[in-house]
Amino acid sequence: MENEQTIQLIKDTLDKIRPFMQREGGDVTFDSFEDGIVYVNIHGACEGCALINEDLEEGVEVILMEEVPGVVAVRLASQKEEIKKAMNELKENKTDD
């Protein structure tokens, strides 16, 4: 599946999920898709919520992984740079072996 098609499928799937989060006073929006990871932004009551990681991992992530081929994880957009840095360090360590 081409990246543009994958991104559109991610957005369409998020549009199905959003009403459930909006019912609780929150929202989720697409940021980007890189290396199999979907990055999202959280809004409203979900921002700063202690359960947001559970909602992402046990809800949004599970649904996206089932619905969209190639999705391996869902993370907050605010974590993108930290994740990229960690992935680069892993790649560097692997080439050092």
PDB file of N, CA and C in Angstrom:
ATOM      1  N   MET A   1       0.853  -1.181   0.000  1.00  0.00           N
ATOM      2  CA  MET A   1       0.000   0.000   0.000  1.00  0.00           C
ATOM      3  C   MET A   1       0.898   1.243   0.000  1.00  0.00           C
ATOM      4  N   GLU A   2       0.604   2.176  -0.874  1.00  0.00           N
ATOM      5  CA  GLU A   2       1.399   3.391  -0.959  1.00  0.00           C
ATOM      6  C   GLU A   2       1.185   4.261   0.274  1.00  0.00           C
ATOM      7  N   ASN A   3       2.182   5.088   0.583  1.00  0.00           N
ATOM      8  CA  ASN A   3       2.131   5.916   1.783  1.00  0.00           C
ATOM      9  C   ASN A   3       0.912   6.840   1.798  1.00  0.00           C
ATOM     10  N   GLU A   4       0.582   7.450   0.651  1.00  0.00           N
ATOM     11  CA  GLU A   4      -0.583   8.345   0.600  1.00  0.00           C
ATOM     12  C   GLU A   4      -1.873   7.595   0.914  1.00  0.00           C
ATOM     13  N   GLN A   5      -1.989   6.386   0.384  1.00  0.00           N
ATOM     14  CA  GLN A   5      -3.174   5.563   0.660  1.00  0.00           C
ATOM     15  C   GLN A   5      -3.215   5.172   2.137  1.00  0.00           C
ATOM     16  N   THR A   6      -2.061   4.838   2.676  1.00  0.00           N
ATOM     17  CA  THR A   6      -1.984   4.465   4.092  1.00  0.00           C
ATOM     18  C   THR A   6      -2.399   5.635   4.969  1.00  0.00           C
ATOM     19  N   ILE A   7      -1.889   6.821   4.657  1.00  0.00           N
ATOM     20  CA  ILE A   7      -2.235   8.006   5.444  1.00  0.00           C
ATOM     21  C   ILE A   7      -3.728   8.290   5.363  1.00  0.00           C
ATOM     22  N   GLN A   8      -4.317   8.151   4.176  1.00  0.00           N
ATOM     23  CA  GLN A   8      -5.755   8.393   4.050  1.00  0.00           C
ATOM     24  C   GLN A   8      -6.549   7.374   4.858  1.00  0.00           C
ATOM     25  N   LEU A   9      -6.109   6.111   4.845  1.00  0.00           N
ATOM     26  CA  LEU A   9      -6.786   5.080   5.634  1.00  0.00           C
ATOM     27  C   LEU A   9      -6.646   5.363   7.132  1.00  0.00           C
ATOM     28  N   ILE A  10      -5.490   5.846   7.554  1.00  0.00           N
ATOM     29  CA  ILE A  10      -5.284   6.228   8.957  1.00  0.00           C
ATOM     30  C   ILE A  10      -6.257   7.343   9.337  1.00  0.00           C
ATOM     31  N   LYS A  11      -6.325   8.374   8.501  1.00  0.00           N
ATOM     32  CA  LYS A  11      -7.219   9.498   8.779  1.00  0.00           C
ATOM     33  C   LYS A  11      -8.678   9.053   8.823  1.00  0.00           C
ATOM     34  N   ASP A  12      -9.069   8.190   7.882  1.00  0.00           N
ATOM     35  CA  ASP A  12     -10.449   7.685   7.857  1.00  0.00           C
ATOM     36  C   ASP A  12     -10.764   6.882   9.118  1.00  0.00           C
ATOM     37  N   THR A  13      -9.803   6.081   9.552  1.00  0.00           N
ATOM     38  CA  THR A  13     -10.005   5.276  10.760  1.00  0.00           C
ATOM     39  C   THR A  13     -10.067   6.165  11.990  1.00  0.00           C
ATOM     40  N   LEU A  14      -9.210   7.170  12.061  1.00  0.00           N
ATOM     41  CA  LEU A  14      -9.264   8.113  13.184  1.00  0.00           C
ATOM     42  C   LEU A  14     -10.611   8.832  13.223  1.00  0.00           C
ATOM     43  N   ASP A  15     -11.157   9.141  12.053  1.00  0.00           N
ATOM     44  CA  ASP A  15     -12.469   9.801  12.001  1.00  0.00           C
ATOM     45  C   ASP A  15     -13.564   8.919  12.608  1.00  0.00           C
ATOM     46  N   LYS A  16     -13.382   7.597  12.530  1.00  0.00           N
ATOM     47  CA  LYS A  16     -14.349   6.673  13.151  1.00  0.00           C
ATOM     48  C   LYS A  16     -14.181   6.638  14.670  1.00  0.00           C
ATOM     49  N   ILE A  17     -12.953   6.831  15.133  1.00  0.00           N
ATOM     50  CA  ILE A  17     -12.628   6.760  16.563  1.00  0.00           C
ATOM     51  C   ILE A  17     -12.980   8.059  17.280  1.00  0.00           C
ATOM     52  N   ARG A  18     -12.797   9.178  16.598  1.00  0.00           N
ATOM     53  CA  ARG A  18     -12.921  10.500  17.215  1.00  0.00           C
ATOM     54  C   ARG A  18     -14.233  10.725  17.972  1.00  0.00           C
ATOM     55  N   PRO A  19     -15.384  10.308  17.465  1.00  0.00           N
ATOM     56  CA  PRO A  19     -16.623  10.569  18.215  1.00  0.00           C
ATOM     57  C   PRO A  19     -16.618   9.974  19.632  1.00  0.00           C
ATOM     58  N   PHE A  20     -15.948   8.849  19.804  1.00  0.00           N
ATOM     59  CA  PHE A  20     -15.882   8.223  21.126  1.00  0.00           C
ATOM     60  C   PHE A  20     -15.057   9.074  22.085  1.00  0.00           C
ATOM     61  N   MET A  21     -13.991   9.649  21.575  1.00  0.00           N
ATOM     62  CA  MET A  21     -13.161  10.514  22.417  1.00  0.00           C
ATOM     63  C   MET A  21     -13.856  11.853  22.651  1.00  0.00           C
ATOM     64  N   GLN A  22     -14.554  12.349  21.640  1.00  0.00           N
ATOM     65  CA  GLN A  22     -15.259  13.618  21.771  1.00  0.00           C
ATOM     66  C   GLN A  22     -16.388  13.521  22.793  1.00  0.00           C
ATOM     67  N   ARG A  23     -16.978  12.341  22.897  1.00  0.00           N
ATOM     68  CA  ARG A  23     -18.033  12.125  23.884  1.00  0.00           C
ATOM     69  C   ARG A  23     -17.527  12.343  25.308  1.00  0.00           C
ATOM     70  N   GLU A  24     -16.228  12.101  25.496  1.00  0.00           N
ATOM     71  CA  GLU A  24     -15.608  12.271  26.812  1.00  0.00           C
ATOM     72  C   GLU A  24     -14.977  13.653  26.956  1.00  0.00           C
ATOM     73  N   GLY A  25     -15.184  14.521  25.960  1.00  0.00           N
ATOM     74  CA  GLY A  25     -14.649  15.876  26.019  1.00  0.00           C
ATOM     75  C   GLY A  25     -13.267  16.040  25.421  1.00  0.00           C
ATOM     76  N   GLY A  26     -12.773  15.008  24.760  1.00  0.00           N
ATOM     77  CA  GLY A  26     -11.448  15.063  24.163  1.00  0.00           C
ATOM     78  C   GLY A  26     -11.501  14.927  22.661  1.00  0.00           C
ATOM     79  N   ASP A  27     -10.349  14.751  22.068  1.00  0.00           N
ATOM     80  CA  ASP A  27     -10.269  14.558  20.621  1.00  0.00           C
ATOM     81  C   ASP A  27      -8.879  14.045  20.273  1.00  0.00           C
ATOM     82  N   VAL A  28      -8.759  13.436  19.101  1.00  0.00           N
ATOM     83  CA  VAL A  28      -7.492  12.952  18.586  1.00  0.00           C
ATOM     84  C   VAL A  28      -7.416  13.348  17.122  1.00  0.00           C
ATOM     85  N   THR A  29      -6.245  13.874  16.702  1.00  0.00           N
ATOM     86  CA  THR A  29      -6.056  14.254  15.311  1.00  0.00           C
ATOM     87  C   THR A  29      -4.726  13.711  14.806  1.00  0.00           C
ATOM     88  N   PHE A  30      -4.681  13.447  13.515  1.00  0.00           N
ATOM     89  CA  PHE A  30      -3.502  12.915  12.850  1.00  0.00           C
ATOM     90  C   PHE A  30      -2.410  13.975  12.761  1.00  0.00           C
ATOM     91  N   ASP A  31      -1.165  13.571  13.013  1.00  0.00           N
ATOM     92  CA  ASP A  31      -0.006  14.444  12.836  1.00  0.00           C
ATOM     93  C   ASP A  31       0.844  13.942  11.675  1.00  0.00           C
ATOM     94  N   SER A  32       1.312  12.684  11.780  1.00  0.00           N
ATOM     95  CA  SER A  32       2.164  12.144  10.724  1.00  0.00           C
ATOM     96  C   SER A  32       2.254  10.620  10.855  1.00  0.00           C
ATOM     97  N   PHE A  33       2.844  10.015   9.816  1.00  0.00           N
ATOM     98  CA  PHE A  33       3.060   8.574   9.783  1.00  0.00           C
ATOM     99  C   PHE A  33       4.474   8.338   9.297  1.00  0.00           C
ATOM    100  N   GLU A  34       5.326   7.792  10.181  1.00  0.00           N
ATOM    101  CA  GLU A  34       6.734   7.577   9.859  1.00  0.00           C
ATOM    102  C   GLU A  34       7.209   6.253  10.431  1.00  0.00           C
ATOM    103  N   ASP A  35       7.866   5.459   9.602  1.00  0.00           N
ATOM    104  CA  ASP A  35       8.457   4.192  10.038  1.00  0.00           C
ATOM    105  C   ASP A  35       7.443   3.294  10.737  1.00  0.00           C
ATOM    106  N   GLY A  36       6.201   3.294  10.257  1.00  0.00           N
ATOM    107  CA  GLY A  36       5.171   2.446  10.836  1.00  0.00           C
ATOM    108  C   GLY A  36       4.493   3.022  12.064  1.00  0.00           C
ATOM    109  N   ILE A  37       4.938   4.182  12.503  1.00  0.00           N
ATOM    110  CA  ILE A  37       4.380   4.802  13.702  1.00  0.00           C
ATOM    111  C   ILE A  37       3.446   5.936  13.300  1.00  0.00           C
ATOM    112  N   VAL A  38       2.228   5.905  13.838  1.00  0.00           N
ATOM    113  CA  VAL A  38       1.275   6.987  13.638  1.00  0.00           C
ATOM    114  C   VAL A  38       1.440   7.947  14.806  1.00  0.00           C
ATOM    115  N   TYR A  39       1.679   9.207  14.486  1.00  0.00           N
ATOM    116  CA  TYR A  39       1.787  10.239  15.514  1.00  0.00           C
ATOM    117  C   TYR A  39       0.497  11.046  15.516  1.00  0.00           C
ATOM    118  N   VAL A  40      -0.063  11.222  16.706  1.00  0.00           N
ATOM    119  CA  VAL A  40      -1.332  11.942  16.846  1.00  0.00           C
ATOM    120  C   VAL A  40      -1.193  13.054  17.870  1.00  0.00           C
ATOM    121  N   ASN A  41      -2.118  13.992  17.771  1.00  0.00           N
ATOM    122  CA  ASN A  41      -2.236  15.048  18.768  1.00  0.00           C
ATOM    123  C   ASN A  41      -3.504  14.794  19.567  1.00  0.00           C
ATOM    124  N   ILE A  42      -3.444  15.084  20.838  1.00  0.00           N
ATOM    125  CA  ILE A  42      -4.577  14.906  21.730  1.00  0.00           C
ATOM    126  C   ILE A  42      -5.069  16.280  22.152  1.00  0.00           C
ATOM    127  N   HIS A  43      -6.376  16.447  22.195  1.00  0.00           N
ATOM    128  CA  HIS A  43      -6.963  17.749  22.508  1.00  0.00           C
ATOM    129  C   HIS A  43      -8.031  17.615  23.597  1.00  0.00           C
ATOM    130  N   GLY A  44      -8.416  18.748  24.138  1.00  0.00           N
ATOM    131  CA  GLY A  44      -9.519  18.799  25.088  1.00  0.00           C
ATOM    132  C   GLY A  44      -9.225  18.072  26.378  1.00  0.00           C
ATOM    133  N   ALA A  45     -10.230  17.388  26.892  1.00  0.00           N
ATOM    134  CA  ALA A  45     -10.111  16.696  28.175  1.00  0.00           C
ATOM    135  C   ALA A  45      -9.054  15.596  28.157  1.00  0.00           C
ATOM    136  N   CYS A  46      -8.697  15.115  26.975  1.00  0.00           N
ATOM    137  CA  CYS A  46      -7.682  14.057  26.878  1.00  0.00           C
ATOM    138  C   CYS A  46      -6.278  14.586  27.140  1.00  0.00           C
ATOM    139  N   GLU A  47      -6.065  15.873  26.899  1.00  0.00           N
ATOM    140  CA  GLU A  47      -4.764  16.475  27.128  1.00  0.00           C
ATOM    141  C   GLU A  47      -4.433  16.428  28.613  1.00  0.00           C
ATOM    142  N   GLY A  48      -3.324  15.822  28.939  1.00  0.00           N
ATOM    143  CA  GLY A  48      -2.910  15.758  30.330  1.00  0.00           C
ATOM    144  C   GLY A  48      -3.638  14.715  31.158  1.00  0.00           C
ATOM    145  N   CYS A  49      -4.532  13.961  30.550  1.00  0.00           N
ATOM    146  CA  CYS A  49      -5.281  12.921  31.268  1.00  0.00           C
ATOM    147  C   CYS A  49      -4.339  11.782  31.647  1.00  0.00           C
ATOM    148  N   ALA A  50      -4.469  11.290  32.854  1.00  0.00           N
ATOM    149  CA  ALA A  50      -3.615  10.207  33.332  1.00  0.00           C
ATOM    150  C   ALA A  50      -3.829   8.910  32.556  1.00  0.00           C
ATOM    151  N   LEU A  51      -4.967   8.765  31.917  1.00  0.00           N
ATOM    152  CA  LEU A  51      -5.284   7.530  31.199  1.00  0.00           C
ATOM    153  C   LEU A  51      -5.018   7.613  29.704  1.00  0.00           C
ATOM    154  N   ILE A  52      -4.427   8.705  29.231  1.00  0.00           N
ATOM    155  CA  ILE A  52      -4.267   8.873  27.789  1.00  0.00           C
ATOM    156  C   ILE A  52      -3.400   7.785  27.175  1.00  0.00           C
ATOM    157  N   ASN A  53      -2.336   7.358  27.857  1.00  0.00           N
ATOM    158  CA  ASN A  53      -1.498   6.296  27.298  1.00  0.00           C
ATOM    159  C   ASN A  53      -2.280   4.998  27.149  1.00  0.00           C
ATOM    160  N   GLU A  54      -3.130   4.690  28.114  1.00  0.00           N
ATOM    161  CA  GLU A  54      -3.973   3.499  28.015  1.00  0.00           C
ATOM    162  C   GLU A  54      -4.953   3.630  26.862  1.00  0.00           C
ATOM    163  N   ASP A  55      -5.577   4.794  26.725  1.00  0.00           N
ATOM    164  CA  ASP A  55      -6.513   5.017  25.625  1.00  0.00           C
ATOM    165  C   ASP A  55      -5.816   4.867  24.283  1.00  0.00           C
ATOM    166  N   LEU A  56      -4.605   5.412  24.186  1.00  0.00           N
ATOM    167  CA  LEU A  56      -3.865   5.303  22.933  1.00  0.00           C
ATOM    168  C   LEU A  56      -3.477   3.867  22.641  1.00  0.00           C
ATOM    169  N   GLU A  57      -2.859   3.201  23.612  1.00  0.00           N
ATOM    170  CA  GLU A  57      -2.334   1.857  23.381  1.00  0.00           C
ATOM    171  C   GLU A  57      -3.413   0.787  23.323  1.00  0.00           C
ATOM    172  N   GLU A  58      -4.410   0.884  24.149  1.00  0.00           N
ATOM    173  CA  GLU A  58      -5.440  -0.161  24.207  1.00  0.00           C
ATOM    174  C   GLU A  58      -6.650   0.147  23.336  1.00  0.00           C
ATOM    175  N   GLY A  59      -6.717   1.357  22.811  1.00  0.00           N
ATOM    176  CA  GLY A  59      -7.854   1.733  21.981  1.00  0.00           C
ATOM    177  C   GLY A  59      -7.414   2.127  20.586  1.00  0.00           C
ATOM    178  N   VAL A  60      -6.884   3.319  20.455  1.00  0.00           N
ATOM    179  CA  VAL A  60      -6.518   3.872  19.150  1.00  0.00           C
ATOM    180  C   VAL A  60      -5.493   2.986  18.446  1.00  0.00           C
ATOM    181  N   GLU A  61      -4.449   2.584  19.153  1.00  0.00           N
ATOM    182  CA  GLU A  61      -3.396   1.769  18.545  1.00  0.00           C
ATOM    183  C   GLU A  61      -3.935   0.422  18.071  1.00  0.00           C
ATOM    184  N   VAL A  62      -4.698  -0.242  18.892  1.00  0.00           N
ATOM    185  CA  VAL A  62      -5.240  -1.554  18.530  1.00  0.00           C
ATOM    186  C   VAL A  62      -6.101  -1.445  17.280  1.00  0.00           C
ATOM    187  N   ILE A  63      -6.960  -0.449  17.242  1.00  0.00           N
ATOM    188  CA  ILE A  63      -7.857  -0.281  16.097  1.00  0.00           C
ATOM    189  C   ILE A  63      -7.055   0.028  14.833  1.00  0.00           C
ATOM    190  N   LEU A  64      -6.108   0.958  14.916  1.00  0.00           N
ATOM    191  CA  LEU A  64      -5.318   1.307  13.738  1.00  0.00           C
ATOM    192  C   LEU A  64      -4.486   0.125  13.247  1.00  0.00           C
ATOM    193  N   MET A  65      -3.920  -0.648  14.164  1.00  0.00           N
ATOM    194  CA  MET A  65      -3.125  -1.806  13.756  1.00  0.00           C
ATOM    195  C   MET A  65      -3.990  -2.859  13.073  1.00  0.00           C
ATOM    196  N   GLU A  66      -5.234  -2.980  13.496  1.00  0.00           N
ATOM    197  CA  GLU A  66      -6.144  -3.939  12.866  1.00  0.00           C
ATOM    198  C   GLU A  66      -6.652  -3.445  11.514  1.00  0.00           C
ATOM    199  N   GLU A  67      -6.870  -2.151  11.395  1.00  0.00           N
ATOM    200  CA  GLU A  67      -7.490  -1.578  10.203  1.00  0.00           C
ATOM    201  C   GLU A  67      -6.511  -1.158   9.108  1.00  0.00           C
ATOM    202  N   VAL A  68      -5.277  -0.834   9.496  1.00  0.00           N
ATOM    203  CA  VAL A  68      -4.337  -0.243   8.530  1.00  0.00           C
ATOM    204  C   VAL A  68      -3.058  -1.073   8.461  1.00  0.00           C
ATOM    205  N   PRO A  69      -2.831  -1.733   7.325  1.00  0.00           N
ATOM    206  CA  PRO A  69      -1.582  -2.487   7.167  1.00  0.00           C
ATOM    207  C   PRO A  69      -0.371  -1.563   7.279  1.00  0.00           C
ATOM    208  N   GLY A  70       0.639  -2.015   8.003  1.00  0.00           N
ATOM    209  CA  GLY A  70       1.862  -1.241   8.128  1.00  0.00           C
ATOM    210  C   GLY A  70       1.973  -0.418   9.395  1.00  0.00           C
ATOM    211  N   VAL A  71       0.868  -0.256  10.115  1.00  0.00           N
ATOM    212  CA  VAL A  71       0.913   0.482  11.376  1.00  0.00           C
ATOM    213  C   VAL A  71       1.419  -0.465  12.462  1.00  0.00           C
ATOM    214  N   VAL A  72       2.480  -0.042  13.145  1.00  0.00           N
ATOM    215  CA  VAL A  72       3.055  -0.869  14.210  1.00  0.00           C
ATOM    216  C   VAL A  72       2.906  -0.243  15.591  1.00  0.00           C
ATOM    217  N   ALA A  73       2.578   1.074  15.629  1.00  0.00           N
ATOM    218  CA  ALA A  73       2.423   1.750  16.918  1.00  0.00           C
ATOM    219  C   ALA A  73       1.731   3.090  16.714  1.00  0.00           C
ATOM    220  N   VAL A  74       1.183   3.616  17.803  1.00  0.00           N
ATOM    221  CA  VAL A  74       0.608   4.963  17.819  1.00  0.00           C
ATOM    222  C   VAL A  74       1.230   5.691  19.002  1.00  0.00           C
ATOM    223  N   ARG A  75       1.751   6.879  18.735  1.00  0.00           N
ATOM    224  CA  ARG A  75       2.391   7.664  19.781  1.00  0.00           C
ATOM    225  C   ARG A  75       1.955   9.121  19.660  1.00  0.00           C
ATOM    226  N   LEU A  76       2.146   9.860  20.743  1.00  0.00           N
ATOM    227  CA  LEU A  76       1.838  11.284  20.735  1.00  0.00           C
ATOM    228  C   LEU A  76       2.861  12.021  19.874  1.00  0.00           C
ATOM    229  N   ALA A  77       2.396  13.006  19.125  1.00  0.00           N
ATOM    230  CA  ALA A  77       3.291  13.796  18.280  1.00  0.00           C
ATOM    231  C   ALA A  77       4.385  14.452  19.112  1.00  0.00           C
ATOM    232  N   SER A  78       4.076  14.781  20.347  1.00  0.00           N
ATOM    233  CA  SER A  78       5.071  15.413  21.220  1.00  0.00           C
ATOM    234  C   SER A  78       6.235  14.477  21.554  1.00  0.00           C
ATOM    235  N   GLN A  79       6.075  13.184  21.297  1.00  0.00           N
ATOM    236  CA  GLN A  79       7.131  12.205  21.557  1.00  0.00           C
ATOM    237  C   GLN A  79       7.980  11.900  20.321  1.00  0.00           C
ATOM    238  N   LYS A  80       7.634  12.502  19.176  1.00  0.00           N
ATOM    239  CA  LYS A  80       8.260  12.150  17.905  1.00  0.00           C
ATOM    240  C   LYS A  80       9.777  12.311  17.925  1.00  0.00           C
ATOM    241  N   GLU A  81      10.272  13.445  18.356  1.00  0.00           N
ATOM    242  CA  GLU A  81      11.721  13.688  18.349  1.00  0.00           C
ATOM    243  C   GLU A  81      12.451  12.720  19.271  1.00  0.00           C
ATOM    244  N   GLU A  82      11.870  12.455  20.422  1.00  0.00           N
ATOM    245  CA  GLU A  82      12.473  11.511  21.373  1.00  0.00           C
ATOM    246  C   GLU A  82      12.547  10.105  20.764  1.00  0.00           C
ATOM    247  N   ILE A  83      11.492   9.699  20.081  1.00  0.00           N
ATOM    248  CA  ILE A  83      11.451   8.374  19.454  1.00  0.00           C
ATOM    249  C   ILE A  83      12.452   8.300  18.302  1.00  0.00           C
ATOM    250  N   LYS A  84      12.507   9.339  17.483  1.00  0.00           N
ATOM    251  CA  LYS A  84      13.468   9.364  16.369  1.00  0.00           C
ATOM    252  C   LYS A  84      14.895   9.258  16.887  1.00  0.00           C
ATOM    253  N   LYS A  85      15.192   9.984  17.952  1.00  0.00           N
ATOM    254  CA  LYS A  85      16.528   9.953  18.536  1.00  0.00           C
ATOM    255  C   LYS A  85      16.869   8.544  19.011  1.00  0.00           C
ATOM    256  N   ALA A  86      15.928   7.903  19.699  1.00  0.00           N
ATOM    257  CA  ALA A  86      16.151   6.542  20.198  1.00  0.00           C
ATOM    258  C   ALA A  86      16.333   5.553  19.045  1.00  0.00           C
ATOM    259  N   MET A  87      15.552   5.719  17.982  1.00  0.00           N
ATOM    260  CA  MET A  87      15.682   4.824  16.826  1.00  0.00           C
ATOM    261  C   MET A  87      17.031   5.013  16.143  1.00  0.00           C
ATOM    262  N   ASN A  88      17.485   6.253  16.026  1.00  0.00           N
ATOM    263  CA  ASN A  88      18.796   6.521  15.428  1.00  0.00           C
ATOM    264  C   ASN A  88      19.912   5.917  16.265  1.00  0.00           C
ATOM    265  N   GLU A  89      19.795   6.014  17.580  1.00  0.00           N
ATOM    266  CA  GLU A  89      20.809   5.425  18.462  1.00  0.00           C
ATOM    267  C   GLU A  89      20.847   3.911  18.307  1.00  0.00           C
ATOM    268  N   LEU A  90      19.674   3.291  18.180  1.00  0.00           N
ATOM    269  CA  LEU A  90      19.632   1.842  17.968  1.00  0.00           C
ATOM    270  C   LEU A  90      20.297   1.462  16.656  1.00  0.00           C
ATOM    271  N   LYS A  91      20.019   2.236  15.608  1.00  0.00           N
ATOM    272  CA  LYS A  91      20.630   1.963  14.300  1.00  0.00           C
ATOM    273  C   LYS A  91      22.138   2.114  14.381  1.00  0.00           C
ATOM    274  N   GLU A  92      22.620   3.149  15.064  1.00  0.00           N
ATOM    275  CA  GLU A  92      24.056   3.361  15.205  1.00  0.00           C
ATOM    276  C   GLU A  92      24.718   2.228  15.969  1.00  0.00           C
ATOM    277  N   ASN A  93      24.067   1.792  17.039  1.00  0.00           N
ATOM    278  CA  ASN A  93      24.606   0.697  17.837  1.00  0.00           C
ATOM    279  C   ASN A  93      24.626  -0.594  17.044  1.00  0.00           C
ATOM    280  N   LYS A  94      23.651  -0.792  16.190  1.00  0.00           N
ATOM    281  CA  LYS A  94      23.572  -2.017  15.390  1.00  0.00           C
ATOM    282  C   LYS A  94      24.693  -2.043  14.355  1.00  0.00           C
ATOM    283  N   THR A  95      25.027  -0.898  13.764  1.00  0.00           N
ATOM    284  CA  THR A  95      26.095  -0.846  12.771  1.00  0.00           C
ATOM    285  C   THR A  95      27.467  -0.945  13.413  1.00  0.00           C
ATOM    286  N   ASP A  96      27.575  -0.652  14.703  1.00  0.00           N
ATOM    287  CA  ASP A  96      28.847  -0.761  15.419  1.00  0.00           C
ATOM    288  C   ASP A  96      29.208  -2.217  15.697  1.00  0.00           C
ATOM    289  N   ASP A  97      28.244  -3.104  15.649  1.00  0.00           N
ATOM    290  CA  ASP A  97      28.498  -4.521  15.962  1.00  0.00           C
ATOM    291  C   ASP A  97      29.312  -5.220  14.934  1.00  0.00           C
TER     292      ASP A  97
END
